[in-house]
Amino acid sequence: MAFINDEKNFLDIHLGTYELSFNKKYRLISLLNDFTLGLWFLIGSVFFLFEPLKTAGAILFIIGSAQLIARPIIKIVHAFQFHHKRKNF
């Protein structure tokens, strides 16, 4: 029988002998990623206003784009774990 346990840092869904745990601590990593992502795009945009800095601006846009790809990966990896519960003997 399935049941849900909502604790401070985790949301656990019990499915028979299996348990699906969602970790709420990923939020800090996600927020730091979003902050630096915005920073790279802002600085890259300013660099594009000056001819000698356009290459550096393009590099910052590439870094920001990679972080856009990393964003959902961070959320998935840190959001849940699936493991088998051991029986107590």
C-alpha atoms as a PDB file:
ATOM      1  CA  MET A   1       0.000   0.000   0.000  1.00  0.00           C
ATOM      2  CA  ALA A   2       1.335   3.449  -0.888  1.00  0.00           C
ATOM      3  CA  PHE A   3       1.572   6.307   1.579  1.00  0.00           C
ATOM      4  CA  ILE A   4       3.282   9.710   1.650  1.00  0.00           C
ATOM      5  CA  ASN A   5       5.441  11.076   4.478  1.00  0.00           C
ATOM      6  CA  ASP A   6       6.190  14.833   4.290  1.00  0.00           C
ATOM      7  CA  GLU A   7       9.125  15.720   6.558  1.00  0.00           C
ATOM      8  CA  LYS A   8      11.039  18.989   6.820  1.00  0.00           C
ATOM      9  CA  ASN A   9      13.778  18.118   4.292  1.00  0.00           C
ATOM     10  CA  PHE A  10      12.238  15.187   2.427  1.00  0.00           C
ATOM     11  CA  LEU A  11       8.993  14.043   0.877  1.00  0.00           C
ATOM     12  CA  ASP A  12       8.897  10.241   1.009  1.00  0.00           C
ATOM     13  CA  ILE A  13       6.503   8.116  -1.004  1.00  0.00           C
ATOM     14  CA  HIS A  14       6.387   4.495   0.202  1.00  0.00           C
ATOM     15  CA  LEU A  15       5.413   1.868  -2.365  1.00  0.00           C
ATOM     16  CA  GLY A  16       5.502  -1.535  -0.715  1.00  0.00           C
ATOM     17  CA  THR A  17       9.152  -2.354  -0.063  1.00  0.00           C
ATOM     18  CA  TYR A  18      10.347   0.634  -2.129  1.00  0.00           C
ATOM     19  CA  GLU A  19      10.614   4.270  -1.182  1.00  0.00           C
ATOM     20  CA  LEU A  20      10.884   7.353  -3.430  1.00  0.00           C
ATOM     21  CA  SER A  21      12.500  10.306  -1.579  1.00  0.00           C
ATOM     22  CA  PHE A  22      12.436  13.886  -2.842  1.00  0.00           C
ATOM     23  CA  ASN A  23      15.208  16.034  -1.354  1.00  0.00           C
ATOM     24  CA  LYS A  24      14.239  19.665  -0.721  1.00  0.00           C
ATOM     25  CA  LYS A  25      17.868  20.751  -0.165  1.00  0.00           C
ATOM     26  CA  TYR A  26      18.508  21.059  -3.924  1.00  0.00           C
ATOM     27  CA  ARG A  27      16.935  24.515  -3.841  1.00  0.00           C
ATOM     28  CA  LEU A  28      20.144  26.246  -2.705  1.00  0.00           C
ATOM     29  CA  ILE A  29      22.171  24.710  -5.521  1.00  0.00           C
ATOM     30  CA  SER A  30      19.450  25.621  -7.996  1.00  0.00           C
ATOM     31  CA  LEU A  31      19.277  29.223  -6.757  1.00  0.00           C
ATOM     32  CA  LEU A  32      23.072  29.618  -6.947  1.00  0.00           C
ATOM     33  CA  ASN A  33      22.997  28.248 -10.491  1.00  0.00           C
ATOM     34  CA  ASP A  34      20.230  30.690 -11.470  1.00  0.00           C
ATOM     35  CA  PHE A  35      22.070  33.643  -9.893  1.00  0.00           C
ATOM     36  CA  THR A  36      25.354  32.949 -11.677  1.00  0.00           C
ATOM     37  CA  LEU A  37      23.458  32.239 -14.903  1.00  0.00           C
ATOM     38  CA  GLY A  38      21.897  35.699 -14.796  1.00  0.00           C
ATOM     39  CA  LEU A  39      25.252  37.228 -13.909  1.00  0.00           C
ATOM     40  CA  TRP A  40      26.993  35.658 -16.955  1.00  0.00           C
ATOM     41  CA  PHE A  41      24.268  36.888 -19.317  1.00  0.00           C
ATOM     42  CA  LEU A  42      24.287  40.395 -17.821  1.00  0.00           C
ATOM     43  CA  ILE A  43      28.079  40.742 -18.013  1.00  0.00           C
ATOM     44  CA  GLY A  44      28.111  39.150 -21.490  1.00  0.00           C
ATOM     45  CA  SER A  45      25.516  41.664 -22.679  1.00  0.00           C
ATOM     46  CA  VAL A  46      27.592  44.597 -21.394  1.00  0.00           C
ATOM     47  CA  PHE A  47      30.731  43.133 -23.008  1.00  0.00           C
ATOM     48  CA  PHE A  48      28.902  43.010 -26.352  1.00  0.00           C
ATOM     49  CA  LEU A  49      28.647  46.810 -26.273  1.00  0.00           C
ATOM     50  CA  PHE A  50      32.437  47.093 -26.609  1.00  0.00           C
ATOM     51  CA  GLU A  51      34.204  45.700 -29.682  1.00  0.00           C
ATOM     52  CA  PRO A  52      37.321  44.355 -27.909  1.00  0.00           C
ATOM     53  CA  LEU A  53      35.176  42.466 -25.356  1.00  0.00           C
ATOM     54  CA  LYS A  54      32.790  40.726 -27.787  1.00  0.00           C
ATOM     55  CA  THR A  55      34.687  37.434 -27.685  1.00  0.00           C
ATOM     56  CA  ALA A  56      34.623  37.423 -23.876  1.00  0.00           C
ATOM     57  CA  GLY A  57      30.896  38.235 -24.017  1.00  0.00           C
ATOM     58  CA  ALA A  58      30.282  35.296 -26.362  1.00  0.00           C
ATOM     59  CA  ILE A  59      32.190  32.999 -23.984  1.00  0.00           C
ATOM     60  CA  LEU A  60      30.004  34.158 -21.088  1.00  0.00           C
ATOM     61  CA  PHE A  61      26.889  33.465 -23.189  1.00  0.00           C
ATOM     62  CA  ILE A  62      28.172  29.935 -23.858  1.00  0.00           C
ATOM     63  CA  ILE A  63      28.781  29.390 -20.129  1.00  0.00           C
ATOM     64  CA  GLY A  64      25.280  30.713 -19.368  1.00  0.00           C
ATOM     65  CA  SER A  65      23.770  28.433 -22.003  1.00  0.00           C
ATOM     66  CA  ALA A  66      25.526  25.428 -20.458  1.00  0.00           C
ATOM     67  CA  GLN A  67      24.045  26.412 -17.099  1.00  0.00           C
ATOM     68  CA  LEU A  68      20.598  26.541 -18.696  1.00  0.00           C
ATOM     69  CA  ILE A  69      21.112  22.905 -19.682  1.00  0.00           C
ATOM     70  CA  ALA A  70      22.459  22.057 -16.219  1.00  0.00           C
ATOM     71  CA  ARG A  71      19.439  23.616 -14.523  1.00  0.00           C
ATOM     72  CA  PRO A  72      16.965  20.753 -15.035  1.00  0.00           C
ATOM     73  CA  ILE A  73      19.711  18.180 -14.485  1.00  0.00           C
ATOM     74  CA  ILE A  74      20.501  19.708 -11.066  1.00  0.00           C
ATOM     75  CA  LYS A  75      16.833  19.626 -10.157  1.00  0.00           C
ATOM     76  CA  ILE A  76      16.404  16.007 -11.216  1.00  0.00           C
ATOM     77  CA  VAL A  77      19.579  14.705  -9.555  1.00  0.00           C
ATOM     78  CA  HIS A  78      18.993  16.483  -6.269  1.00  0.00           C
ATOM     79  CA  ALA A  79      15.238  16.079  -6.205  1.00  0.00           C
ATOM     80  CA  PHE A  80      14.844  12.375  -5.691  1.00  0.00           C
ATOM     81  CA  GLN A  81      16.391   9.065  -4.796  1.00  0.00           C
ATOM     82  CA  PHE A  82      14.844   5.675  -5.332  1.00  0.00           C
ATOM     83  CA  HIS A  83      15.954   2.887  -3.015  1.00  0.00           C
ATOM     84  CA  HIS A  84      14.816  -0.430  -1.648  1.00  0.00           C
ATOM     85  CA  LYS A  85      13.886  -0.513   2.038  1.00  0.00           C
ATOM     86  CA  ARG A  86      15.479  -3.319   4.046  1.00  0.00           C
ATOM     87  CA  LYS A  87      13.357  -5.452   6.303  1.00  0.00           C
ATOM     88  CA  ASN A  88      14.262  -5.443   9.981  1.00  0.00           C
ATOM     89  CA  PHE A  89      14.995  -8.920  11.335  1.00  0.00           C
END
